[in-house]
Amino acid sequence: MSQLDKHVYQSVAVPGAPIVFAFHGTGGDETQFSDLIADVLPEAGIIAPRGDVSEHGANRFFRRTGEGVYDMADLAKRTEAMIAFVRARQAANPGVPFYALGYSNGANILAAMSFVAPDLFERTALLHPLIPWTPEPVAGLKGAKVLITGGRRDQICPLPLTEALATYYRGQGADLTVSLHDGGHELRPNEVTALRAFFR
């Protein structure tokens, strides 16, 4: 059993409904978005792993050396491990649509997964992502349904980097939706509304 298999929140989907993979933010855990998903898409199943990196006791999905400074080798290794984790669960649920959402650190691992395996999810919601580099072009992102949300005054995920990521996805031909608010790193009602519309 891998570390990723040790702490996973799961709920069963209504037949024909999607399964949503949920990736928590720094310091969160596998239950962080269970209530949110149940609210925006009640019939969906949920699979939510706990990040297996500890940063001073806070759960994360990959290591960093400072705020916004990522250990890129560790990110690459853990991205591949997470893709394998998801594909194993997809194999166990054939024919089921798979959606994903991630917040902050969870959005970052989810975005990294999309750069490597753009076919992994039918819909990908990145809530307050921070990708401080320019990803390589990915032809498989053409037509991919992606939602990016953020705050115009977010000091953790600055607006210019949010906009740069949006520009990247548009440049790959993704079917992109963007929803911003005037606050900071917190989730606000307009993001929940956008997520509900995106998943439905």
Protein backbone atom coordinates (compact mmCIF):
# COMPACT_ATOMS: atom_id res chain seq x y z
CA MET A 1 0.00 0.00 0.00
CA SER A 2 1.38 3.40 -0.96
CA GLN A 3 1.27 6.45 1.28
CA LEU A 4 -1.52 7.86 -0.92
CA ASP A 5 -3.73 4.86 -0.13
CA LYS A 6 -3.55 5.33 3.64
CA HIS A 7 -5.82 8.35 4.06
CA VAL A 8 -8.56 8.62 1.44
CA TYR A 9 -12.09 9.96 1.83
CA GLN A 10 -14.56 8.18 -0.45
CA SER A 11 -18.29 8.31 -1.09
CA VAL A 12 -20.37 6.38 -3.61
CA ALA A 13 -21.82 8.03 -6.71
CA VAL A 14 -25.45 7.69 -7.77
CA PRO A 15 -25.45 5.44 -10.88
CA GLY A 16 -24.58 7.52 -13.94
CA ALA A 17 -23.18 10.42 -11.90
CA PRO A 18 -19.51 11.44 -11.95
CA ILE A 19 -16.85 10.81 -9.37
CA VAL A 20 -15.05 13.96 -8.23
CA PHE A 21 -11.43 13.74 -7.15
CA ALA A 22 -10.71 16.45 -4.55
CA PHE A 23 -7.27 17.78 -3.61
CA HIS A 24 -7.02 19.83 -0.42
CA GLY A 25 -4.98 22.93 0.30
CA THR A 26 -1.91 23.15 2.55
CA GLY A 27 -2.92 22.09 6.05
CA GLY A 28 -6.16 20.53 4.87
CA ASP A 29 -7.02 16.87 4.67
CA GLU A 30 -9.07 14.41 2.68
CA THR A 31 -12.37 15.68 4.15
CA GLN A 32 -11.82 19.37 3.30
CA PHE A 33 -14.16 19.47 0.31
CA SER A 34 -16.62 16.67 1.04
CA ASP A 35 -19.36 19.11 2.09
CA LEU A 36 -18.67 21.48 -0.82
CA ILE A 37 -18.92 18.70 -3.40
CA ALA A 38 -22.05 17.33 -1.76
CA ASP A 39 -23.55 20.81 -2.09
CA VAL A 40 -22.60 21.58 -5.70
CA LEU A 41 -23.07 18.06 -7.10
CA PRO A 42 -25.02 15.95 -4.56
CA GLU A 43 -25.25 12.82 -6.70
CA ALA A 44 -21.49 12.63 -7.32
CA GLY A 45 -19.11 10.25 -5.66
CA ILE A 46 -15.95 11.61 -4.07
CA ILE A 47 -12.39 10.31 -3.91
CA ALA A 48 -10.08 12.57 -1.91
CA PRO A 49 -6.52 11.61 -0.91
CA ARG A 50 -4.52 13.26 1.83
CA GLY A 51 -1.22 14.76 0.70
CA ASP A 52 1.66 12.67 2.00
CA VAL A 53 4.15 15.50 2.53
CA SER A 54 4.29 17.20 5.94
CA GLU A 55 5.44 20.80 6.14
CA HIS A 56 5.81 21.54 9.85
CA GLY A 57 2.79 19.30 10.42
CA ALA A 58 0.71 20.71 7.55
CA ASN A 59 -0.37 18.22 4.87
CA ARG A 60 0.80 18.99 1.32
CA PHE A 61 1.03 17.15 -1.99
CA PHE A 62 4.66 18.07 -2.75
CA ARG A 63 7.62 19.79 -1.15
CA ARG A 64 8.63 23.41 -1.47
CA THR A 65 11.65 25.35 -0.27
CA GLY A 66 9.81 28.63 0.31
CA GLU A 67 6.56 30.43 -0.45
CA GLY A 68 6.00 29.92 -4.16
CA VAL A 69 9.34 28.10 -4.57
CA TYR A 70 8.74 24.47 -5.48
CA ASP A 71 11.00 21.43 -5.27
CA MET A 72 10.47 20.62 -8.96
CA ALA A 73 11.99 17.13 -8.77
CA ASP A 74 9.69 16.24 -5.89
CA LEU A 75 6.71 17.76 -7.73
CA ALA A 76 7.47 15.63 -10.81
CA LYS A 77 7.78 12.45 -8.75
CA ARG A 78 4.59 13.06 -6.80
CA THR A 79 2.67 14.11 -9.91
CA GLU A 80 3.42 10.74 -11.50
CA ALA A 81 2.42 8.94 -8.29
CA MET A 82 -0.86 10.84 -8.14
CA ILE A 83 -1.64 10.10 -11.78
CA ALA A 84 -1.12 6.39 -11.04
CA PHE A 85 -3.39 6.70 -7.97
CA VAL A 86 -6.15 8.24 -10.09
CA ARG A 87 -5.81 5.79 -12.98
CA ALA A 88 -6.07 2.84 -10.59
CA ARG A 89 -9.37 4.14 -9.28
CA GLN A 90 -10.62 4.91 -12.75
CA ALA A 91 -9.85 1.33 -13.77
CA ALA A 92 -11.99 0.15 -10.86
CA ASN A 93 -14.90 2.35 -12.03
CA PRO A 94 -15.19 1.83 -15.80
CA GLY A 95 -17.59 4.06 -17.69
CA VAL A 96 -17.86 6.63 -14.91
CA PRO A 97 -17.15 10.32 -15.71
CA PHE A 98 -14.27 11.71 -13.66
CA TYR A 99 -14.07 15.35 -12.55
CA ALA A 100 -11.49 16.99 -10.28
CA LEU A 101 -11.08 20.04 -8.10
CA GLY A 102 -8.10 21.29 -6.20
CA TYR A 103 -7.57 24.29 -3.94
CA SER A 104 -4.22 26.09 -3.52
CA ASN A 105 -1.59 23.33 -3.12
CA GLY A 106 -4.21 20.86 -4.32
CA ALA A 107 -4.82 23.01 -7.40
CA ASN A 108 -1.09 23.04 -8.07
CA ILE A 109 -0.71 19.25 -8.07
CA LEU A 110 -3.87 19.01 -10.18
CA ALA A 111 -2.54 21.51 -12.73
CA ALA A 112 0.77 19.62 -12.84
CA MET A 113 -1.18 16.43 -13.54
CA SER A 114 -2.98 18.12 -16.42
CA PHE A 115 0.35 19.06 -18.02
CA VAL A 116 1.41 15.38 -17.99
CA ALA A 117 -1.91 13.54 -18.43
CA PRO A 118 -4.39 15.98 -20.00
CA ASP A 119 -6.91 13.19 -20.60
CA LEU A 120 -7.16 12.26 -16.92
CA PHE A 121 -10.33 14.21 -16.08
CA GLU A 122 -13.33 15.37 -18.07
CA ARG A 123 -13.53 18.58 -16.03
CA THR A 124 -10.75 20.18 -13.97
CA ALA A 125 -11.39 22.98 -11.45
CA LEU A 126 -8.34 24.87 -10.19
CA LEU A 127 -9.23 27.04 -7.19
CA HIS A 128 -6.49 29.60 -6.41
CA PRO A 129 -3.66 27.83 -8.27
CA LEU A 130 -0.06 29.03 -8.24
CA ILE A 131 2.10 27.80 -11.12
CA PRO A 132 5.28 29.92 -10.96
CA TRP A 133 6.73 28.68 -14.25
CA THR A 134 5.60 28.49 -17.87
CA PRO A 135 4.57 24.92 -18.67
CA GLU A 136 5.56 23.27 -21.94
CA PRO A 137 2.89 23.13 -24.66
CA VAL A 138 0.48 20.18 -24.30
CA ALA A 139 -1.52 19.32 -27.41
CA GLY A 140 -3.86 17.10 -25.40
CA LEU A 141 -5.31 20.11 -23.56
CA LYS A 142 -7.18 21.22 -26.68
CA GLY A 143 -10.88 21.22 -25.81
CA ALA A 144 -10.21 20.32 -22.16
CA LYS A 145 -12.77 21.82 -19.79
CA VAL A 146 -10.91 23.87 -17.17
CA LEU A 147 -12.14 26.28 -14.49
CA ILE A 148 -9.74 28.70 -12.77
CA THR A 149 -10.86 30.79 -9.80
CA GLY A 150 -8.93 33.28 -7.70
CA GLY A 151 -8.80 36.54 -5.81
CA ARG A 152 -7.56 39.78 -7.30
CA ARG A 153 -5.84 40.57 -3.98
CA ASP A 154 -4.56 37.07 -3.28
CA GLN A 155 -1.07 37.48 -1.80
CA ILE A 156 -0.38 33.73 -1.92
CA CYS A 157 -1.45 33.28 -5.55
CA PRO A 158 -0.87 36.72 -7.13
CA LEU A 159 -3.28 37.80 -9.84
CA PRO A 160 -0.60 38.09 -12.59
CA LEU A 161 0.29 34.41 -12.14
CA THR A 162 -3.39 33.41 -12.14
CA GLU A 163 -3.83 35.33 -15.38
CA ALA A 164 -0.66 33.79 -16.84
CA LEU A 165 -1.99 30.30 -16.14
CA ALA A 166 -5.31 31.22 -17.77
CA THR A 167 -3.40 32.51 -20.80
CA TYR A 168 -1.47 29.23 -20.96
CA TYR A 169 -4.62 27.09 -20.97
CA ARG A 170 -6.24 29.31 -23.59
CA GLY A 171 -3.10 29.00 -25.69
CA GLN A 172 -3.41 25.22 -25.57
CA GLY A 173 -6.98 25.46 -26.84
CA ALA A 174 -8.64 24.52 -23.56
CA ASP A 175 -12.31 25.31 -23.00
CA LEU A 176 -11.53 27.69 -20.13
CA THR A 177 -13.78 29.43 -17.60
CA VAL A 178 -12.34 32.02 -15.20
CA SER A 179 -14.07 33.38 -12.07
CA LEU A 180 -12.35 36.03 -9.94
CA HIS A 181 -13.36 38.00 -6.86
CA ASP A 182 -11.94 41.12 -5.24
CA GLY A 183 -10.64 39.36 -2.14
CA GLY A 184 -7.65 37.24 -1.27
CA HIS A 185 -6.95 33.53 -0.88
CA GLU A 186 -10.33 32.64 0.60
CA LEU A 187 -13.07 30.83 -1.29
CA ARG A 188 -16.07 33.09 -1.91
CA PRO A 189 -19.67 32.44 -2.99
CA ASN A 190 -19.04 33.39 -6.63
CA GLU A 191 -16.48 30.58 -6.84
CA VAL A 192 -18.98 28.07 -5.49
CA THR A 193 -21.53 29.32 -8.03
CA ALA A 194 -18.98 28.99 -10.82
CA LEU A 195 -18.02 25.50 -9.64
CA ARG A 196 -21.66 24.40 -9.53
CA ALA A 197 -22.24 25.62 -13.10
CA PHE A 198 -18.96 24.08 -14.29
CA PHE A 199 -19.66 20.64 -12.84
CA ARG A 200 -23.26 20.62 -14.08
